[in-house]
Amino acid sequence: MANTLSVAPRAETDLREAFQWYEARSAGLGHEFLRCIEARLNLITRVPQIFRLRGPLHRLAKIDRFPYAIYFVWEESQSHVAVRRVLHFAQDSNRSLENK
């Protein structure tokens, strides 16, 4: 059975803000960022268990080429991946994850 994927509204906001920031720096860079995110989300959906736990609940998947990580919960019993945040490495993930 394939895993399903959901993206929290806060993670969508994270993505939109990062896209706008990169796109303002260089035309097309925001789109490249989103392509890297999409590739990582595809891998997370296929094999979520390969990503390390960050605390008791969240897993972390680093993004290639960009200093960002996707924080998600894998609900194994439901075959579901729930993306909670997409954060820059400089952001405080512990505090940010508490404010899902």
N, C-alpha and C. Protein backbone atom coordinates (compact mmCIF):
# COMPACT_ATOMS: atom_id res chain seq x y z
N MET A 1 0.84 -1.18 0.00
CA MET A 1 0.00 0.00 0.00
C MET A 1 0.88 1.25 0.00
N ALA A 2 0.56 2.19 -0.88
CA ALA A 2 1.33 3.43 -0.98
C ALA A 2 0.98 4.38 0.16
N ASN A 3 1.96 5.15 0.58
CA ASN A 3 1.73 6.16 1.61
C ASN A 3 1.02 7.36 1.01
N THR A 4 0.16 7.98 1.81
CA THR A 4 -0.47 9.23 1.41
C THR A 4 0.31 10.38 2.03
N LEU A 5 0.08 11.58 1.53
CA LEU A 5 0.83 12.75 1.97
C LEU A 5 -0.13 13.91 2.20
N SER A 6 0.09 14.62 3.32
CA SER A 6 -0.62 15.87 3.56
C SER A 6 0.40 16.92 3.98
N VAL A 7 0.10 18.18 3.66
CA VAL A 7 0.99 19.28 3.99
C VAL A 7 0.20 20.27 4.84
N ALA A 8 0.70 20.53 6.03
CA ALA A 8 0.03 21.46 6.95
C ALA A 8 0.04 22.87 6.37
N PRO A 9 -0.96 23.67 6.70
CA PRO A 9 -0.98 25.05 6.23
C PRO A 9 0.29 25.83 6.57
N ARG A 10 0.85 25.59 7.75
CA ARG A 10 2.08 26.30 8.15
C ARG A 10 3.24 25.92 7.23
N ALA A 11 3.31 24.65 6.82
CA ALA A 11 4.37 24.22 5.90
C ALA A 11 4.17 24.86 4.53
N GLU A 12 2.92 25.01 4.10
CA GLU A 12 2.64 25.69 2.83
C GLU A 12 3.11 27.14 2.89
N THR A 13 2.89 27.79 4.03
CA THR A 13 3.37 29.17 4.23
C THR A 13 4.88 29.21 4.19
N ASP A 14 5.53 28.25 4.86
CA ASP A 14 7.00 28.17 4.82
C ASP A 14 7.50 28.10 3.38
N LEU A 15 6.87 27.24 2.58
CA LEU A 15 7.28 27.06 1.18
C LEU A 15 7.06 28.33 0.37
N ARG A 16 5.93 28.95 0.54
CA ARG A 16 5.62 30.18 -0.20
C ARG A 16 6.63 31.28 0.13
N GLU A 17 6.95 31.44 1.41
CA GLU A 17 7.91 32.47 1.83
C GLU A 17 9.30 32.19 1.27
N ALA A 18 9.73 30.94 1.33
CA ALA A 18 11.06 30.58 0.80
C ALA A 18 11.10 30.78 -0.71
N PHE A 19 10.05 30.36 -1.40
CA PHE A 19 9.97 30.54 -2.84
C PHE A 19 10.12 32.02 -3.19
N GLN A 20 9.37 32.86 -2.53
CA GLN A 20 9.41 34.31 -2.81
C GLN A 20 10.80 34.88 -2.54
N TRP A 21 11.43 34.44 -1.46
CA TRP A 21 12.76 34.94 -1.13
C TRP A 21 13.76 34.57 -2.22
N TYR A 22 13.76 33.28 -2.63
CA TYR A 22 14.70 32.84 -3.66
C TYR A 22 14.41 33.48 -5.01
N GLU A 23 13.15 33.61 -5.34
CA GLU A 23 12.77 34.19 -6.62
C GLU A 23 13.17 35.66 -6.69
N ALA A 24 13.11 36.37 -5.54
CA ALA A 24 13.53 37.77 -5.50
C ALA A 24 15.04 37.91 -5.69
N ARG A 25 15.80 36.87 -5.33
CA ARG A 25 17.26 36.91 -5.48
C ARG A 25 17.69 36.65 -6.91
N SER A 26 16.97 35.71 -7.56
CA SER A 26 17.34 35.35 -8.93
C SER A 26 16.14 34.68 -9.60
N ALA A 27 15.74 35.21 -10.73
CA ALA A 27 14.59 34.64 -11.45
C ALA A 27 14.82 33.17 -11.74
N GLY A 28 13.88 32.35 -11.36
CA GLY A 28 13.97 30.90 -11.59
C GLY A 28 14.50 30.13 -10.41
N LEU A 29 15.18 30.80 -9.48
CA LEU A 29 15.75 30.09 -8.33
C LEU A 29 14.65 29.56 -7.40
N GLY A 30 13.58 30.31 -7.27
CA GLY A 30 12.45 29.83 -6.47
C GLY A 30 11.85 28.56 -7.05
N HIS A 31 11.79 28.50 -8.37
CA HIS A 31 11.26 27.29 -9.03
C HIS A 31 12.20 26.11 -8.83
N GLU A 32 13.50 26.36 -8.86
CA GLU A 32 14.48 25.29 -8.59
C GLU A 32 14.32 24.78 -7.16
N PHE A 33 14.11 25.71 -6.22
CA PHE A 33 13.86 25.33 -4.83
C PHE A 33 12.65 24.40 -4.75
N LEU A 34 11.56 24.77 -5.41
CA LEU A 34 10.35 23.94 -5.38
C LEU A 34 10.57 22.58 -6.04
N ARG A 35 11.38 22.53 -7.09
CA ARG A 35 11.70 21.23 -7.71
C ARG A 35 12.45 20.32 -6.74
N CYS A 36 13.38 20.91 -5.98
CA CYS A 36 14.12 20.13 -4.98
C CYS A 36 13.19 19.65 -3.87
N ILE A 37 12.27 20.50 -3.46
CA ILE A 37 11.28 20.12 -2.44
C ILE A 37 10.43 18.97 -2.95
N GLU A 38 9.94 19.09 -4.18
CA GLU A 38 9.08 18.06 -4.75
C GLU A 38 9.81 16.71 -4.84
N ALA A 39 11.07 16.75 -5.25
CA ALA A 39 11.85 15.51 -5.33
C ALA A 39 11.98 14.86 -3.95
N ARG A 40 12.24 15.68 -2.93
CA ARG A 40 12.39 15.13 -1.58
C ARG A 40 11.05 14.61 -1.06
N LEU A 41 9.96 15.31 -1.36
CA LEU A 41 8.63 14.84 -0.93
C LEU A 41 8.28 13.50 -1.58
N ASN A 42 8.67 13.33 -2.84
CA ASN A 42 8.44 12.05 -3.50
C ASN A 42 9.18 10.92 -2.79
N LEU A 43 10.42 11.17 -2.39
CA LEU A 43 11.19 10.16 -1.67
C LEU A 43 10.60 9.91 -0.29
N ILE A 44 10.22 10.97 0.40
CA ILE A 44 9.61 10.82 1.73
C ILE A 44 8.36 9.96 1.63
N THR A 45 7.54 10.21 0.63
CA THR A 45 6.29 9.46 0.48
C THR A 45 6.56 7.99 0.19
N ARG A 46 7.60 7.71 -0.60
CA ARG A 46 7.92 6.32 -0.93
C ARG A 46 8.53 5.56 0.24
N VAL A 47 9.51 6.17 0.93
CA VAL A 47 10.23 5.46 1.99
C VAL A 47 10.49 6.39 3.19
N PRO A 48 9.47 6.76 3.94
CA PRO A 48 9.65 7.72 5.03
C PRO A 48 10.57 7.23 6.14
N GLN A 49 10.66 5.95 6.32
CA GLN A 49 11.45 5.40 7.43
C GLN A 49 12.95 5.59 7.25
N ILE A 50 13.42 5.98 6.07
CA ILE A 50 14.88 6.16 5.90
C ILE A 50 15.37 7.47 6.51
N PHE A 51 14.46 8.36 6.85
CA PHE A 51 14.85 9.65 7.42
C PHE A 51 14.87 9.56 8.93
N ARG A 52 15.89 10.19 9.52
CA ARG A 52 16.10 10.05 10.96
C ARG A 52 15.04 10.80 11.78
N LEU A 53 14.81 10.26 12.95
CA LEU A 53 13.90 10.92 13.89
C LEU A 53 14.58 12.15 14.48
N ARG A 54 13.81 13.17 14.66
CA ARG A 54 14.26 14.40 15.33
C ARG A 54 13.32 14.59 16.51
N GLY A 55 13.65 13.98 17.61
CA GLY A 55 12.74 13.95 18.75
C GLY A 55 11.86 12.72 18.65
N PRO A 56 10.87 12.63 19.51
CA PRO A 56 10.07 11.42 19.57
C PRO A 56 9.08 11.26 18.41
N LEU A 57 8.79 12.32 17.69
CA LEU A 57 7.71 12.27 16.71
C LEU A 57 8.12 12.64 15.29
N HIS A 58 8.87 13.71 15.14
CA HIS A 58 9.19 14.26 13.82
C HIS A 58 10.42 13.62 13.20
N ARG A 59 10.37 13.50 11.89
CA ARG A 59 11.52 13.08 11.11
C ARG A 59 12.00 14.28 10.30
N LEU A 60 13.26 14.23 9.90
CA LEU A 60 13.87 15.35 9.20
C LEU A 60 14.44 14.86 7.87
N ALA A 61 14.10 15.58 6.80
CA ALA A 61 14.64 15.27 5.47
C ALA A 61 15.29 16.53 4.93
N LYS A 62 16.62 16.50 4.79
CA LYS A 62 17.34 17.66 4.26
C LYS A 62 17.09 17.78 2.76
N ILE A 63 17.11 19.03 2.31
CA ILE A 63 16.88 19.34 0.90
C ILE A 63 18.22 19.48 0.19
N ASP A 64 18.36 18.84 -0.95
CA ASP A 64 19.57 18.99 -1.75
C ASP A 64 19.67 20.42 -2.25
N ARG A 65 20.87 20.97 -2.20
CA ARG A 65 21.24 22.27 -2.77
C ARG A 65 20.78 23.48 -1.96
N PHE A 66 19.81 23.34 -1.11
CA PHE A 66 19.28 24.47 -0.33
C PHE A 66 19.37 24.16 1.16
N PRO A 67 19.62 25.17 2.00
CA PRO A 67 19.77 24.93 3.44
C PRO A 67 18.42 24.84 4.17
N TYR A 68 17.61 23.89 3.73
CA TYR A 68 16.27 23.68 4.29
C TYR A 68 16.08 22.21 4.62
N ALA A 69 15.11 21.97 5.50
CA ALA A 69 14.72 20.60 5.83
C ALA A 69 13.21 20.53 5.94
N ILE A 70 12.69 19.38 5.58
CA ILE A 70 11.27 19.09 5.73
C ILE A 70 11.11 18.30 7.01
N TYR A 71 10.24 18.77 7.89
CA TYR A 71 9.92 18.07 9.13
C TYR A 71 8.55 17.43 8.97
N PHE A 72 8.51 16.13 9.19
CA PHE A 72 7.27 15.41 8.96
C PHE A 72 7.06 14.31 10.00
N VAL A 73 5.83 13.84 10.06
CA VAL A 73 5.46 12.73 10.93
C VAL A 73 5.01 11.60 10.02
N TRP A 74 5.55 10.42 10.27
CA TRP A 74 5.12 9.23 9.52
C TRP A 74 4.19 8.44 10.40
N GLU A 75 2.95 8.38 9.99
CA GLU A 75 1.94 7.61 10.72
C GLU A 75 1.86 6.23 10.08
N GLU A 76 2.75 5.34 10.54
CA GLU A 76 2.93 4.04 9.90
C GLU A 76 1.63 3.24 9.84
N SER A 77 0.88 3.24 10.92
CA SER A 77 -0.35 2.44 10.95
C SER A 77 -1.39 2.90 9.93
N GLN A 78 -1.30 4.16 9.54
CA GLN A 78 -2.24 4.72 8.55
C GLN A 78 -1.60 4.90 7.17
N SER A 79 -0.33 4.53 7.06
CA SER A 79 0.42 4.72 5.81
C SER A 79 0.30 6.17 5.33
N HIS A 80 0.56 7.08 6.27
CA HIS A 80 0.38 8.51 5.97
C HIS A 80 1.59 9.32 6.42
N VAL A 81 2.00 10.24 5.57
CA VAL A 81 3.07 11.19 5.87
C VAL A 81 2.43 12.56 6.02
N ALA A 82 2.67 13.20 7.17
CA ALA A 82 2.13 14.54 7.44
C ALA A 82 3.28 15.52 7.55
N VAL A 83 3.42 16.39 6.57
CA VAL A 83 4.47 17.41 6.59
C VAL A 83 4.01 18.54 7.51
N ARG A 84 4.85 18.85 8.51
CA ARG A 84 4.49 19.87 9.49
C ARG A 84 5.11 21.23 9.18
N ARG A 85 6.41 21.23 8.82
CA ARG A 85 7.14 22.49 8.56
C ARG A 85 8.20 22.25 7.49
N VAL A 86 8.60 23.33 6.84
CA VAL A 86 9.75 23.36 5.94
C VAL A 86 10.59 24.53 6.41
N LEU A 87 11.72 24.23 7.06
CA LEU A 87 12.46 25.26 7.77
C LEU A 87 13.90 25.40 7.25
N HIS A 88 14.38 26.65 7.26
CA HIS A 88 15.77 26.95 6.99
C HIS A 88 16.59 26.44 8.17
N PHE A 89 17.80 26.01 7.93
CA PHE A 89 18.63 25.46 9.01
C PHE A 89 18.85 26.46 10.14
N ALA A 90 18.80 27.76 9.84
CA ALA A 90 19.03 28.78 10.87
C ALA A 90 17.81 28.96 11.78
N GLN A 91 16.66 28.43 11.40
CA GLN A 91 15.47 28.58 12.23
C GLN A 91 15.51 27.58 13.37
N ASP A 92 14.91 27.94 14.49
CA ASP A 92 14.86 27.07 15.66
C ASP A 92 13.76 26.03 15.45
N SER A 93 14.16 24.84 15.04
CA SER A 93 13.17 23.81 14.72
C SER A 93 12.38 23.36 15.94
N ASN A 94 13.00 23.31 17.10
CA ASN A 94 12.27 22.87 18.29
C ASN A 94 11.11 23.82 18.60
N ARG A 95 11.38 25.11 18.57
CA ARG A 95 10.33 26.09 18.84
C ARG A 95 9.32 26.11 17.70
N SER A 96 9.79 26.03 16.47
CA SER A 96 8.91 26.10 15.32
C SER A 96 7.97 24.91 15.23
N LEU A 97 8.45 23.74 15.62
CA LEU A 97 7.60 22.54 15.55
C LEU A 97 6.53 22.57 16.64
N GLU A 98 6.81 23.23 17.74
CA GLU A 98 5.81 23.35 18.78
C GLU A 98 4.64 24.20 18.32
N ASN A 99 4.89 25.11 17.38
CA ASN A 99 3.85 26.00 16.86
C ASN A 99 3.29 25.49 15.54
N LYS A 100 3.05 24.21 15.44
CA LYS A 100 2.59 23.58 14.20
C LYS A 100 1.51 24.40 13.60
